[in-house]
């Protein structure tokens, strides 16, 4: 699947969820939701240190997916193509680290 296609699927999914739950994932609410989900990723990663529990890979994977979905939706809200912005940033990071 192309990233552009995935971005469209995410956009449609968020729209359907907003309609179902009568809410709006505008830029502000999406950003706040991203922060919430990053906290859930942190909880998963900190399980061994804080709760003396093993990380459950599927739960961590789910939380990372939530962050990715919301970041991709934020891109859509600002008419940014996810794949293009990531590839551009990777090129900049490579140049900065003299990896090219």
PDB file of N, CA and C in Angstrom:
ATOM      1  N   UNK A   1       0.844  -1.178   0.000  1.00  0.00           N
ATOM      2  CA  UNK A   1       0.000   0.000   0.000  1.00  0.00           C
ATOM      3  C   UNK A   1       0.890   1.242   0.000  1.00  0.00           C
ATOM      4  N   UNK A   2       0.530   2.195  -0.780  1.00  0.00           N
ATOM      5  CA  UNK A   2       1.246   3.463  -0.832  1.00  0.00           C
ATOM      6  C   UNK A   2       0.883   4.309   0.398  1.00  0.00           C
ATOM      7  N   UNK A   3       1.810   5.119   0.838  1.00  0.00           N
ATOM      8  CA  UNK A   3       1.562   5.971   2.006  1.00  0.00           C
ATOM      9  C   UNK A   3       0.431   6.950   1.705  1.00  0.00           C
ATOM     10  N   UNK A   4       0.384   7.447   0.479  1.00  0.00           N
ATOM     11  CA  UNK A   4      -0.682   8.381   0.098  1.00  0.00           C
ATOM     12  C   UNK A   4      -2.059   7.727   0.253  1.00  0.00           C
ATOM     13  N   UNK A   5      -2.155   6.458  -0.151  1.00  0.00           N
ATOM     14  CA  UNK A   5      -3.405   5.716  -0.003  1.00  0.00           C
ATOM     15  C   UNK A   5      -3.738   5.520   1.473  1.00  0.00           C
ATOM     16  N   UNK A   6      -2.731   5.194   2.262  1.00  0.00           N
ATOM     17  CA  UNK A   6      -2.924   5.035   3.702  1.00  0.00           C
ATOM     18  C   UNK A   6      -3.411   6.344   4.324  1.00  0.00           C
ATOM     19  N   UNK A   7      -2.851   7.457   3.882  1.00  0.00           N
ATOM     20  CA  UNK A   7      -3.268   8.764   4.403  1.00  0.00           C
ATOM     21  C   UNK A   7      -4.745   9.021   4.095  1.00  0.00           C
ATOM     22  N   UNK A   8      -5.185   8.639   2.906  1.00  0.00           N
ATOM     23  CA  UNK A   8      -6.601   8.810   2.549  1.00  0.00           C
ATOM     24  C   UNK A   8      -7.501   7.907   3.396  1.00  0.00           C
ATOM     25  N   UNK A   9      -7.050   6.688   3.631  1.00  0.00           N
ATOM     26  CA  UNK A   9      -7.819   5.758   4.471  1.00  0.00           C
ATOM     27  C   UNK A   9      -7.950   6.316   5.888  1.00  0.00           C
ATOM     28  N   UNK A  10      -6.856   6.840   6.410  1.00  0.00           N
ATOM     29  CA  UNK A  10      -6.876   7.422   7.756  1.00  0.00           C
ATOM     30  C   UNK A  10      -7.813   8.626   7.804  1.00  0.00           C
ATOM     31  N   UNK A  11      -7.718   9.479   6.796  1.00  0.00           N
ATOM     32  CA  UNK A  11      -8.586  10.667   6.733  1.00  0.00           C
ATOM     33  C   UNK A  11     -10.059  10.254   6.772  1.00  0.00           C
ATOM     34  N   UNK A  12     -10.418   9.242   5.993  1.00  0.00           N
ATOM     35  CA  UNK A  12     -11.798   8.756   5.946  1.00  0.00           C
ATOM     36  C   UNK A  12     -12.204   8.127   7.285  1.00  0.00           C
ATOM     37  N   UNK A  13     -11.303   7.354   7.873  1.00  0.00           N
ATOM     38  CA  UNK A  13     -11.598   6.708   9.152  1.00  0.00           C
ATOM     39  C   UNK A  13     -11.854   7.756  10.243  1.00  0.00           C
ATOM     40  N   UNK A  14     -10.992   8.755  10.328  1.00  0.00           N
ATOM     41  CA  UNK A  14     -11.162   9.794  11.352  1.00  0.00           C
ATOM     42  C   UNK A  14     -12.478  10.530  11.124  1.00  0.00           C
ATOM     43  N   UNK A  15     -12.811  10.795   9.876  1.00  0.00           N
ATOM     44  CA  UNK A  15     -14.071  11.459   9.554  1.00  0.00           C
ATOM     45  C   UNK A  15     -15.267  10.619  10.018  1.00  0.00           C
ATOM     46  N   UNK A  16     -15.211   9.323   9.770  1.00  0.00           N
ATOM     47  CA  UNK A  16     -16.294   8.427  10.199  1.00  0.00           C
ATOM     48  C   UNK A  16     -16.390   8.364  11.716  1.00  0.00           C
ATOM     49  N   UNK A  17     -15.242   8.318  12.389  1.00  0.00           N
ATOM     50  CA  UNK A  17     -15.252   8.275  13.856  1.00  0.00           C
ATOM     51  C   UNK A  17     -15.806   9.588  14.427  1.00  0.00           C
ATOM     52  N   UNK A  18     -15.412  10.705  13.836  1.00  0.00           N
ATOM     53  CA  UNK A  18     -15.936  11.996  14.286  1.00  0.00           C
ATOM     54  C   UNK A  18     -17.450  12.050  14.145  1.00  0.00           C
ATOM     55  N   UNK A  19     -17.945  11.545  13.013  1.00  0.00           N
ATOM     56  CA  UNK A  19     -19.385  11.535  12.778  1.00  0.00           C
ATOM     57  C   UNK A  19     -20.088  10.632  13.798  1.00  0.00           C
ATOM     58  N   UNK A  20     -19.522   9.461  14.021  1.00  0.00           N
ATOM     59  CA  UNK A  20     -20.145   8.514  14.950  1.00  0.00           C
ATOM     60  C   UNK A  20     -20.191   9.051  16.383  1.00  0.00           C
ATOM     61  N   UNK A  21     -19.082   9.672  16.808  1.00  0.00           N
ATOM     62  CA  UNK A  21     -19.004  10.141  18.201  1.00  0.00           C
ATOM     63  C   UNK A  21     -19.317  11.630  18.345  1.00  0.00           C
ATOM     64  N   UNK A  22     -19.758  12.238  17.247  1.00  0.00           N
ATOM     65  CA  UNK A  22     -20.152  13.651  17.243  1.00  0.00           C
ATOM     66  C   UNK A  22     -19.054  14.551  17.810  1.00  0.00           C
ATOM     67  N   UNK A  23     -17.875  14.401  17.243  1.00  0.00           N
ATOM     68  CA  UNK A  23     -16.754  15.248  17.635  1.00  0.00           C
ATOM     69  C   UNK A  23     -16.025  15.698  16.375  1.00  0.00           C
ATOM     70  N   UNK A  24     -15.009  16.516  16.540  1.00  0.00           N
ATOM     71  CA  UNK A  24     -14.241  17.007  15.401  1.00  0.00           C
ATOM     72  C   UNK A  24     -12.766  16.932  15.727  1.00  0.00           C
ATOM     73  N   UNK A  25     -12.026  16.227  14.884  1.00  0.00           N
ATOM     74  CA  UNK A  25     -10.577  16.201  15.026  1.00  0.00           C
ATOM     75  C   UNK A  25      -9.989  17.318  14.168  1.00  0.00           C
ATOM     76  N   UNK A  26     -10.125  18.551  14.673  1.00  0.00           N
ATOM     77  CA  UNK A  26      -9.479  19.674  14.012  1.00  0.00           C
ATOM     78  C   UNK A  26      -8.010  19.698  14.446  1.00  0.00           C
ATOM     79  N   UNK A  27      -7.263  20.695  14.039  1.00  0.00           N
ATOM     80  CA  UNK A  27      -5.830  20.692  14.351  1.00  0.00           C
ATOM     81  C   UNK A  27      -5.565  20.717  15.853  1.00  0.00           C
ATOM     82  N   UNK A  28      -6.339  21.482  16.596  1.00  0.00           N
ATOM     83  CA  UNK A  28      -6.111  21.576  18.044  1.00  0.00           C
ATOM     84  C   UNK A  28      -6.461  20.271  18.756  1.00  0.00           C
ATOM     85  N   UNK A  29      -7.627  19.708  18.461  1.00  0.00           N
ATOM     86  CA  UNK A  29      -8.022  18.470  19.146  1.00  0.00           C
ATOM     87  C   UNK A  29      -7.136  17.303  18.714  1.00  0.00           C
ATOM     88  N   UNK A  30      -6.717  17.303  17.446  1.00  0.00           N
ATOM     89  CA  UNK A  30      -5.827  16.238  16.980  1.00  0.00           C
ATOM     90  C   UNK A  30      -4.488  16.333  17.683  1.00  0.00           C
ATOM     91  N   UNK A  31      -3.950  17.538  17.807  1.00  0.00           N
ATOM     92  CA  UNK A  31      -2.680  17.722  18.508  1.00  0.00           C
ATOM     93  C   UNK A  31      -2.788  17.265  19.956  1.00  0.00           C
ATOM     94  N   UNK A  32      -3.863  17.637  20.626  1.00  0.00           N
ATOM     95  CA  UNK A  32      -4.061  17.208  22.014  1.00  0.00           C
ATOM     96  C   UNK A  32      -4.197  15.696  22.118  1.00  0.00           C
ATOM     97  N   UNK A  33      -4.866  15.088  21.156  1.00  0.00           N
ATOM     98  CA  UNK A  33      -5.024  13.636  21.143  1.00  0.00           C
ATOM     99  C   UNK A  33      -3.665  12.958  20.922  1.00  0.00           C
ATOM    100  N   UNK A  34      -2.812  13.555  20.076  1.00  0.00           N
ATOM    101  CA  UNK A  34      -1.465  13.020  19.853  1.00  0.00           C
ATOM    102  C   UNK A  34      -0.695  12.993  21.170  1.00  0.00           C
ATOM    103  N   UNK A  35      -0.759  14.077  21.919  1.00  0.00           N
ATOM    104  CA  UNK A  35      -0.054  14.148  23.203  1.00  0.00           C
ATOM    105  C   UNK A  35      -0.558  13.055  24.146  1.00  0.00           C
ATOM    106  N   UNK A  36      -1.863  12.866  24.180  1.00  0.00           N
ATOM    107  CA  UNK A  36      -2.455  11.813  25.015  1.00  0.00           C
ATOM    108  C   UNK A  36      -1.924  10.441  24.606  1.00  0.00           C
ATOM    109  N   UNK A  37      -1.891  10.182  23.315  1.00  0.00           N
ATOM    110  CA  UNK A  37      -1.428   8.879  22.825  1.00  0.00           C
ATOM    111  C   UNK A  37       0.074   8.689  23.058  1.00  0.00           C
ATOM    112  N   UNK A  38       0.855   9.746  22.967  1.00  0.00           N
ATOM    113  CA  UNK A  38       2.291   9.647  23.269  1.00  0.00           C
ATOM    114  C   UNK A  38       2.471   9.263  24.736  1.00  0.00           C
ATOM    115  N   UNK A  39       1.611   9.783  25.599  1.00  0.00           N
ATOM    116  CA  UNK A  39       1.640   9.384  27.004  1.00  0.00           C
ATOM    117  C   UNK A  39       1.371   7.900  27.168  1.00  0.00           C
ATOM    118  N   UNK A  40       0.489   7.360  26.348  1.00  0.00           N
ATOM    119  CA  UNK A  40       0.191   5.923  26.409  1.00  0.00           C
ATOM    120  C   UNK A  40       1.370   5.099  25.901  1.00  0.00           C
ATOM    121  N   UNK A  41       2.093   5.618  24.896  1.00  0.00           N
ATOM    122  CA  UNK A  41       3.319   4.950  24.445  1.00  0.00           C
ATOM    123  C   UNK A  41       4.334   4.958  25.589  1.00  0.00           C
ATOM    124  N   UNK A  42       4.469   6.098  26.245  1.00  0.00           N
ATOM    125  CA  UNK A  42       5.402   6.211  27.368  1.00  0.00           C
ATOM    126  C   UNK A  42       5.043   5.227  28.480  1.00  0.00           C
ATOM    127  N   UNK A  43       3.759   5.083  28.783  1.00  0.00           N
ATOM    128  CA  UNK A  43       3.327   4.123  29.806  1.00  0.00           C
ATOM    129  C   UNK A  43       3.754   2.708  29.451  1.00  0.00           C
ATOM    130  N   UNK A  44       3.603   2.347  28.184  1.00  0.00           N
ATOM    131  CA  UNK A  44       4.008   1.010  27.754  1.00  0.00           C
ATOM    132  C   UNK A  44       5.522   0.819  27.895  1.00  0.00           C
ATOM    133  N   UNK A  45       6.282   1.810  27.449  1.00  0.00           N
ATOM    134  CA  UNK A  45       7.745   1.709  27.491  1.00  0.00           C
ATOM    135  C   UNK A  45       8.271   1.694  28.921  1.00  0.00           C
ATOM    136  N   UNK A  46       7.581   2.403  29.814  1.00  0.00           N
ATOM    137  CA  UNK A  46       8.032   2.494  31.206  1.00  0.00           C
ATOM    138  C   UNK A  46       7.553   1.350  32.095  1.00  0.00           C
ATOM    139  N   UNK A  47       6.767   0.436  31.554  1.00  0.00           N
ATOM    140  CA  UNK A  47       6.253  -0.676  32.363  1.00  0.00           C
ATOM    141  C   UNK A  47       7.345  -1.421  33.133  1.00  0.00           C
ATOM    142  N   UNK A  48       8.463  -1.772  32.502  1.00  0.00           N
ATOM    143  CA  UNK A  48       9.476  -2.527  33.253  1.00  0.00           C
ATOM    144  C   UNK A  48      10.050  -1.752  34.441  1.00  0.00           C
ATOM    145  N   UNK A  49      10.259  -0.472  34.290  1.00  0.00           N
ATOM    146  CA  UNK A  49      10.873   0.320  35.365  1.00  0.00           C
ATOM    147  C   UNK A  49       9.876   0.720  36.441  1.00  0.00           C
ATOM    148  N   UNK A  50       8.697   1.136  36.039  1.00  0.00           N
ATOM    149  CA  UNK A  50       7.737   1.690  36.992  1.00  0.00           C
ATOM    150  C   UNK A  50       6.883   0.618  37.658  1.00  0.00           C
ATOM    151  N   UNK A  51       6.406  -0.350  36.872  1.00  0.00           N
ATOM    152  CA  UNK A  51       5.487  -1.361  37.411  1.00  0.00           C
ATOM    153  C   UNK A  51       6.099  -2.744  37.509  1.00  0.00           C
ATOM    154  N   UNK A  52       7.365  -2.842  37.146  1.00  0.00           N
ATOM    155  CA  UNK A  52       8.043  -4.133  37.132  1.00  0.00           C
ATOM    156  C   UNK A  52       7.267  -5.156  36.301  1.00  0.00           C
ATOM    157  N   UNK A  53       6.734  -4.681  35.156  1.00  0.00           N
ATOM    158  CA  UNK A  53       5.983  -5.535  34.241  1.00  0.00           C
ATOM    159  C   UNK A  53       6.696  -5.587  32.900  1.00  0.00           C
ATOM    160  N   UNK A  54       6.483  -6.660  32.191  1.00  0.00           N
ATOM    161  CA  UNK A  54       7.036  -6.801  30.847  1.00  0.00           C
ATOM    162  C   UNK A  54       6.262  -5.916  29.874  1.00  0.00           C
ATOM    163  N   UNK A  55       6.964  -5.415  28.867  1.00  0.00           N
ATOM    164  CA  UNK A  55       6.284  -4.700  27.795  1.00  0.00           C
ATOM    165  C   UNK A  55       5.536  -5.731  26.957  1.00  0.00           C
ATOM    166  N   UNK A  56       4.278  -5.444  26.697  1.00  0.00           N
ATOM    167  CA  UNK A  56       3.489  -6.297  25.815  1.00  0.00           C
ATOM    168  C   UNK A  56       3.573  -5.672  24.428  1.00  0.00           C
ATOM    169  N   UNK A  57       4.266  -6.355  23.548  1.00  0.00           N
ATOM    170  CA  UNK A  57       4.576  -5.812  22.225  1.00  0.00           C
ATOM    171  C   UNK A  57       3.320  -5.364  21.473  1.00  0.00           C
ATOM    172  N   UNK A  58       2.236  -6.132  21.524  1.00  0.00           N
ATOM    173  CA  UNK A  58       1.020  -5.760  20.796  1.00  0.00           C
ATOM    174  C   UNK A  58       0.423  -4.465  21.340  1.00  0.00           C
ATOM    175  N   UNK A  59       0.450  -4.294  22.667  1.00  0.00           N
ATOM    176  CA  UNK A  59      -0.084  -3.063  23.253  1.00  0.00           C
ATOM    177  C   UNK A  59       0.774  -1.858  22.856  1.00  0.00           C
ATOM    178  N   UNK A  60       2.093  -2.014  22.892  1.00  0.00           N
ATOM    179  CA  UNK A  60       2.988  -0.941  22.462  1.00  0.00           C
ATOM    180  C   UNK A  60       2.759  -0.635  20.990  1.00  0.00           C
ATOM    181  N   UNK A  61       2.628  -1.668  20.186  1.00  0.00           N
ATOM    182  CA  UNK A  61       2.371  -1.504  18.753  1.00  0.00           C
ATOM    183  C   UNK A  61       1.078  -0.731  18.511  1.00  0.00           C
ATOM    184  N   UNK A  62       0.038  -1.057  19.251  1.00  0.00           N
ATOM    185  CA  UNK A  62      -1.251  -0.366  19.113  1.00  0.00           C
ATOM    186  C   UNK A  62      -1.122   1.115  19.444  1.00  0.00           C
ATOM    187  N   UNK A  63      -0.387   1.432  20.506  1.00  0.00           N
ATOM    188  CA  UNK A  63      -0.235   2.829  20.914  1.00  0.00           C
ATOM    189  C   UNK A  63       0.599   3.611  19.896  1.00  0.00           C
ATOM    190  N   UNK A  64       1.644   2.982  19.371  1.00  0.00           N
ATOM    191  CA  UNK A  64       2.450   3.631  18.329  1.00  0.00           C
ATOM    192  C   UNK A  64       1.592   3.876  17.092  1.00  0.00           C
ATOM    193  N   UNK A  65       0.751   2.913  16.751  1.00  0.00           N
ATOM    194  CA  UNK A  65      -0.151   3.077  15.599  1.00  0.00           C
ATOM    195  C   UNK A  65      -1.100   4.249  15.820  1.00  0.00           C
ATOM    196  N   UNK A  66      -1.615   4.395  17.034  1.00  0.00           N
ATOM    197  CA  UNK A  66      -2.495   5.536  17.329  1.00  0.00           C
ATOM    198  C   UNK A  66      -1.780   6.854  17.056  1.00  0.00           C
ATOM    199  N   UNK A  67      -0.523   6.960  17.496  1.00  0.00           N
ATOM    200  CA  UNK A  67       0.257   8.183  17.275  1.00  0.00           C
ATOM    201  C   UNK A  67       0.448   8.411  15.776  1.00  0.00           C
ATOM    202  N   UNK A  68       0.824   7.349  15.055  1.00  0.00           N
ATOM    203  CA  UNK A  68       1.043   7.476  13.615  1.00  0.00           C
ATOM    204  C   UNK A  68      -0.238   7.916  12.901  1.00  0.00           C
ATOM    205  N   UNK A  69      -1.357   7.320  13.257  1.00  0.00           N
ATOM    206  CA  UNK A  69      -2.640   7.670  12.641  1.00  0.00           C
ATOM    207  C   UNK A  69      -2.951   9.142  12.861  1.00  0.00           C
ATOM    208  N   UNK A  70      -2.781   9.593  14.087  1.00  0.00           N
ATOM    209  CA  UNK A  70      -3.099  10.980  14.394  1.00  0.00           C
ATOM    210  C   UNK A  70      -2.118  11.954  13.740  1.00  0.00           C
ATOM    211  N   UNK A  71      -0.835  11.603  13.688  1.00  0.00           N
ATOM    212  CA  UNK A  71       0.129  12.455  12.992  1.00  0.00           C
ATOM    213  C   UNK A  71      -0.202  12.535  11.503  1.00  0.00           C
ATOM    214  N   UNK A  72      -0.598  11.410  10.939  1.00  0.00           N
ATOM    215  CA  UNK A  72      -0.974  11.385   9.525  1.00  0.00           C
ATOM    216  C   UNK A  72      -2.220  12.231   9.299  1.00  0.00           C
ATOM    217  N   UNK A  73      -3.160  12.163  10.217  1.00  0.00           N
ATOM    218  CA  UNK A  73      -4.361  13.006  10.107  1.00  0.00           C
ATOM    219  C   UNK A  73      -3.990  14.483  10.209  1.00  0.00           C
ATOM    220  N   UNK A  74      -3.068  14.816  11.097  1.00  0.00           N
ATOM    221  CA  UNK A  74      -2.624  16.200  11.225  1.00  0.00           C
ATOM    222  C   UNK A  74      -2.011  16.684   9.907  1.00  0.00           C
ATOM    223  N   UNK A  75      -1.254  15.816   9.258  1.00  0.00           N
ATOM    224  CA  UNK A  75      -0.722  16.147   7.931  1.00  0.00           C
ATOM    225  C   UNK A  75      -1.861  16.477   6.973  1.00  0.00           C
ATOM    226  N   UNK A  76      -2.883  15.651   6.969  1.00  0.00           N
ATOM    227  CA  UNK A  76      -4.027  15.880   6.076  1.00  0.00           C
ATOM    228  C   UNK A  76      -4.697  17.215   6.359  1.00  0.00           C
ATOM    229  N   UNK A  77      -4.819  17.558   7.623  1.00  0.00           N
ATOM    230  CA  UNK A  77      -5.465  18.822   7.987  1.00  0.00           C
ATOM    231  C   UNK A  77      -4.710  20.029   7.425  1.00  0.00           C
ATOM    232  N   UNK A  78      -3.398  19.883   7.262  1.00  0.00           N
ATOM    233  CA  UNK A  78      -2.569  20.973   6.742  1.00  0.00           C
ATOM    234  C   UNK A  78      -2.141  20.738   5.287  1.00  0.00           C
ATOM    235  N   UNK A  79      -2.829  19.799   4.618  1.00  0.00           N
ATOM    236  CA  UNK A  79      -2.520  19.475   3.214  1.00  0.00           C
ATOM    237  C   UNK A  79      -1.048  19.143   3.009  1.00  0.00           C
ATOM    238  N   UNK A  80      -0.509  18.346   3.908  1.00  0.00           N
ATOM    239  CA  UNK A  80       0.871  17.872   3.821  1.00  0.00           C
ATOM    240  C   UNK A  80       0.823  16.396   3.475  1.00  0.00           C
ATOM    241  N   UNK A  81       1.562  16.003   2.444  1.00  0.00           N
ATOM    242  CA  UNK A  81       1.643  14.594   2.101  1.00  0.00           C
ATOM    243  C   UNK A  81       2.638  13.926   3.046  1.00  0.00           C
ATOM    244  N   UNK A  82       2.165  12.958   3.801  1.00  0.00           N
ATOM    245  CA  UNK A  82       2.967  12.289   4.822  1.00  0.00           C
ATOM    246  C   UNK A  82       4.272  11.736   4.253  1.00  0.00           C
ATOM    247  N   UNK A  83       4.168  10.988   3.173  1.00  0.00           N
ATOM    248  CA  UNK A  83       5.363  10.372   2.594  1.00  0.00           C
ATOM    249  C   UNK A  83       6.378  11.423   2.168  1.00  0.00           C
ATOM    250  N   UNK A  84       5.900  12.454   1.508  1.00  0.00           N
ATOM    251  CA  UNK A  84       6.789  13.510   1.034  1.00  0.00           C
ATOM    252  C   UNK A  84       7.495  14.211   2.193  1.00  0.00           C
ATOM    253  N   UNK A  85       6.767  14.534   3.250  1.00  0.00           N
ATOM    254  CA  UNK A  85       7.388  15.253   4.367  1.00  0.00           C
ATOM    255  C   UNK A  85       8.413  14.372   5.078  1.00  0.00           C
ATOM    256  N   UNK A  86       8.148  13.081   5.191  1.00  0.00           N
ATOM    257  CA  UNK A  86       9.104  12.179   5.842  1.00  0.00           C
ATOM    258  C   UNK A  86      10.356  12.017   4.986  1.00  0.00           C
ATOM    259  N   UNK A  87      10.173  11.813   3.690  1.00  0.00           N
ATOM    260  CA  UNK A  87      11.335  11.658   2.811  1.00  0.00           C
ATOM    261  C   UNK A  87      12.183  12.928   2.773  1.00  0.00           C
ATOM    262  N   UNK A  88      11.532  14.088   2.741  1.00  0.00           N
ATOM    263  CA  UNK A  88      12.277  15.355   2.771  1.00  0.00           C
ATOM    264  C   UNK A  88      13.078  15.496   4.059  1.00  0.00           C
ATOM    265  N   UNK A  89      12.469  15.140   5.166  1.00  0.00           N
ATOM    266  CA  UNK A  89      13.166  15.246   6.454  1.00  0.00           C
ATOM    267  C   UNK A  89      14.324  14.263   6.535  1.00  0.00           C
ATOM    268  N   UNK A  90      14.126  13.046   6.030  1.00  0.00           N
ATOM    269  CA  UNK A  90      15.214  12.065   6.023  1.00  0.00           C
ATOM    270  C   UNK A  90      16.402  12.571   5.202  1.00  0.00           C
ATOM    271  N   UNK A  91      16.121  13.223   4.061  1.00  0.00           N
ATOM    272  CA  UNK A  91      17.205  13.798   3.251  1.00  0.00           C
ATOM    273  C   UNK A  91      17.961  14.863   4.039  1.00  0.00           C
ATOM    274  N   UNK A  92      17.229  15.723   4.736  1.00  0.00           N
ATOM    275  CA  UNK A  92      17.864  16.776   5.543  1.00  0.00           C
ATOM    276  C   UNK A  92      18.714  16.173   6.659  1.00  0.00           C
ATOM    277  N   UNK A  93      18.192  15.140   7.315  1.00  0.00           N
ATOM    278  CA  UNK A  93      18.941  14.500   8.396  1.00  0.00           C
ATOM    279  C   UNK A  93      20.210  13.839   7.870  1.00  0.00           C
ATOM    280  N   UNK A  94      20.129  13.230   6.696  1.00  0.00           N
ATOM    281  CA  UNK A  94      21.292  12.622   6.083  1.00  0.00           C
ATOM    282  C   UNK A  94      22.358  13.670   5.779  1.00  0.00           C
ATOM    283  N   UNK A  95      21.931  14.784   5.218  1.00  0.00           N
ATOM    284  CA  UNK A  95      22.869  15.869   4.911  1.00  0.00           C
ATOM    285  C   UNK A  95      23.512  16.413   6.186  1.00  0.00           C
ATOM    286  N   UNK A  96      22.695  16.615   7.202  1.00  0.00           N
ATOM    287  CA  UNK A  96      23.194  17.159   8.470  1.00  0.00           C
ATOM    288  C   UNK A  96      24.242  16.229   9.094  1.00  0.00           C
ATOM    289  N   UNK A  97      24.027  14.930   8.949  1.00  0.00           N
ATOM    290  CA  UNK A  97      24.945  13.952   9.537  1.00  0.00           C
ATOM    291  C   UNK A  97      26.052  13.544   8.565  1.00  0.00           C
ATOM    292  N   UNK A  98      26.109  14.210   7.427  1.00  0.00           N
ATOM    293  CA  UNK A  98      27.099  13.899   6.399  1.00  0.00           C
ATOM    294  C   UNK A  98      27.083  12.431   6.005  1.00  0.00           C
ATOM    295  N   UNK A  99      25.892  11.905   5.796  1.00  0.00           N
ATOM    296  CA  UNK A  99      25.747  10.496   5.417  1.00  0.00           C
ATOM    297  C   UNK A  99      25.591  10.316   3.914  1.00  0.00           C
ATOM    298  N   UNK A 100      25.602  11.418   3.188  1.00  0.00           N
ATOM    299  CA  UNK A 100      25.459  11.303   1.729  1.00  0.00           C
ATOM    300  C   UNK A 100      26.793  11.432   1.051  1.00  0.00           C
TER     301      UNK A 100
END
